[in-house]
């Protein structure tokens, strides 16, 4: 799959007890993706923002260039990243 040449902005909304958050974080780190991680257990404003954005409370949520990915799906993340 060909990658886009623009810099993708990625934000990971996570919680320390979430195993899928750990999987997503590890993938991002190992793939060299620059990202911002927000721990919603510590940041109430970010948790509220995430709920308003997705209409749900589960994590992980990834924001990829302004588009949301609820849950972790490597193939879908790469599709979003390459657009």
C-alpha atoms as a PDB file:
ATOM      1  CA  UNK A   1       0.000   0.000   0.000  1.00  0.00           C
ATOM      2  CA  UNK A   2       1.418   3.358  -1.008  1.00  0.00           C
ATOM      3  CA  UNK A   3       1.716   5.934   1.745  1.00  0.00           C
ATOM      4  CA  UNK A   4       0.674   9.512   1.356  1.00  0.00           C
ATOM      5  CA  UNK A   5       3.523  12.012   1.423  1.00  0.00           C
ATOM      6  CA  UNK A   6       1.790  14.417   3.809  1.00  0.00           C
ATOM      7  CA  UNK A   7       2.359  14.221   7.552  1.00  0.00           C
ATOM      8  CA  UNK A   8      -0.540  12.450   9.224  1.00  0.00           C
ATOM      9  CA  UNK A   9      -1.761  13.872  12.530  1.00  0.00           C
ATOM     10  CA  UNK A  10      -2.612  11.046  14.922  1.00  0.00           C
ATOM     11  CA  UNK A  11      -4.071  11.281  18.423  1.00  0.00           C
ATOM     12  CA  UNK A  12      -4.612   8.184  20.557  1.00  0.00           C
ATOM     13  CA  UNK A  13      -7.216   8.433  23.324  1.00  0.00           C
ATOM     14  CA  UNK A  14      -6.390   5.683  25.792  1.00  0.00           C
ATOM     15  CA  UNK A  15      -6.630   4.386  29.344  1.00  0.00           C
ATOM     16  CA  UNK A  16      -3.964   2.502  31.312  1.00  0.00           C
ATOM     17  CA  UNK A  17      -6.126  -0.599  31.871  1.00  0.00           C
ATOM     18  CA  UNK A  18      -7.086  -0.979  28.189  1.00  0.00           C
ATOM     19  CA  UNK A  19      -5.274  -3.872  26.469  1.00  0.00           C
ATOM     20  CA  UNK A  20      -6.246  -2.711  22.968  1.00  0.00           C
ATOM     21  CA  UNK A  21      -4.780   0.709  23.764  1.00  0.00           C
ATOM     22  CA  UNK A  22      -1.475  -1.030  24.478  1.00  0.00           C
ATOM     23  CA  UNK A  23      -1.669  -2.892  21.167  1.00  0.00           C
ATOM     24  CA  UNK A  24      -2.413   0.331  19.269  1.00  0.00           C
ATOM     25  CA  UNK A  25       0.370   2.236  21.074  1.00  0.00           C
ATOM     26  CA  UNK A  26       2.910  -0.529  20.379  1.00  0.00           C
ATOM     27  CA  UNK A  27       1.947  -0.577  16.690  1.00  0.00           C
ATOM     28  CA  UNK A  28       2.288   3.191  16.379  1.00  0.00           C
ATOM     29  CA  UNK A  29       5.675   3.220  18.111  1.00  0.00           C
ATOM     30  CA  UNK A  30       7.048   0.230  16.170  1.00  0.00           C
ATOM     31  CA  UNK A  31       5.800   1.726  12.887  1.00  0.00           C
ATOM     32  CA  UNK A  32       7.460   5.067  13.602  1.00  0.00           C
ATOM     33  CA  UNK A  33       4.160   6.964  13.594  1.00  0.00           C
ATOM     34  CA  UNK A  34       4.333  10.274  15.425  1.00  0.00           C
ATOM     35  CA  UNK A  35       1.310  10.589  17.674  1.00  0.00           C
ATOM     36  CA  UNK A  36      -0.085  12.333  20.705  1.00  0.00           C
ATOM     37  CA  UNK A  37      -1.498  10.135  23.444  1.00  0.00           C
ATOM     38  CA  UNK A  38      -4.215  11.350  25.785  1.00  0.00           C
ATOM     39  CA  UNK A  39      -4.989   9.319  28.901  1.00  0.00           C
ATOM     40  CA  UNK A  40      -8.710   9.859  29.422  1.00  0.00           C
ATOM     41  CA  UNK A  41      -8.492   8.535  32.988  1.00  0.00           C
ATOM     42  CA  UNK A  42      -6.425  11.623  33.876  1.00  0.00           C
ATOM     43  CA  UNK A  43      -7.897  14.239  31.548  1.00  0.00           C
ATOM     44  CA  UNK A  44     -11.639  14.788  32.098  1.00  0.00           C
ATOM     45  CA  UNK A  45     -11.898  17.470  29.419  1.00  0.00           C
ATOM     46  CA  UNK A  46     -10.340  15.146  26.840  1.00  0.00           C
ATOM     47  CA  UNK A  47     -12.649  12.313  27.921  1.00  0.00           C
ATOM     48  CA  UNK A  48     -15.647  14.591  27.398  1.00  0.00           C
ATOM     49  CA  UNK A  49     -14.280  15.717  24.018  1.00  0.00           C
ATOM     50  CA  UNK A  50     -13.846  12.063  22.975  1.00  0.00           C
ATOM     51  CA  UNK A  51     -17.403  11.161  24.045  1.00  0.00           C
ATOM     52  CA  UNK A  52     -18.833  14.148  22.154  1.00  0.00           C
ATOM     53  CA  UNK A  53     -16.793  13.208  19.081  1.00  0.00           C
ATOM     54  CA  UNK A  54     -17.682   9.488  19.066  1.00  0.00           C
ATOM     55  CA  UNK A  55     -20.900   9.206  21.121  1.00  0.00           C
ATOM     56  CA  UNK A  56     -19.315   6.394  23.138  1.00  0.00           C
ATOM     57  CA  UNK A  57     -16.962   5.949  26.109  1.00  0.00           C
ATOM     58  CA  UNK A  58     -14.766   3.025  25.042  1.00  0.00           C
ATOM     59  CA  UNK A  59     -11.108   3.275  24.140  1.00  0.00           C
ATOM     60  CA  UNK A  60      -8.954   3.196  22.154  1.00  0.00           C
ATOM     61  CA  UNK A  61     -10.084   5.976  19.897  1.00  0.00           C
ATOM     62  CA  UNK A  62      -7.714   7.264  17.263  1.00  0.00           C
ATOM     63  CA  UNK A  63      -8.097  10.597  15.567  1.00  0.00           C
ATOM     64  CA  UNK A  64      -6.357  10.395  12.179  1.00  0.00           C
ATOM     65  CA  UNK A  65      -6.255  13.715  10.327  1.00  0.00           C
ATOM     66  CA  UNK A  66      -9.568  14.656  11.925  1.00  0.00           C
ATOM     67  CA  UNK A  67     -11.321  11.339  11.257  1.00  0.00           C
ATOM     68  CA  UNK A  68     -12.152   8.937  14.078  1.00  0.00           C
ATOM     69  CA  UNK A  69     -11.359   5.257  14.416  1.00  0.00           C
ATOM     70  CA  UNK A  70     -13.140   3.648  17.361  1.00  0.00           C
ATOM     71  CA  UNK A  71     -11.341   0.538  18.595  1.00  0.00           C
ATOM     72  CA  UNK A  72      -8.118  -0.787  17.154  1.00  0.00           C
ATOM     73  CA  UNK A  73      -8.065  -2.099  13.593  1.00  0.00           C
ATOM     74  CA  UNK A  74      -4.624  -2.080  11.977  1.00  0.00           C
ATOM     75  CA  UNK A  75      -5.892  -2.360   8.393  1.00  0.00           C
ATOM     76  CA  UNK A  76      -8.423   0.439   8.835  1.00  0.00           C
ATOM     77  CA  UNK A  77      -5.802   2.632  10.518  1.00  0.00           C
ATOM     78  CA  UNK A  78      -3.456   2.164   7.562  1.00  0.00           C
ATOM     79  CA  UNK A  79      -6.271   2.968   5.099  1.00  0.00           C
ATOM     80  CA  UNK A  80      -7.021   6.178   7.000  1.00  0.00           C
ATOM     81  CA  UNK A  81      -3.348   7.033   7.253  1.00  0.00           C
ATOM     82  CA  UNK A  82      -2.767   6.657   3.516  1.00  0.00           C
ATOM     83  CA  UNK A  83      -5.597   8.930   2.394  1.00  0.00           C
END
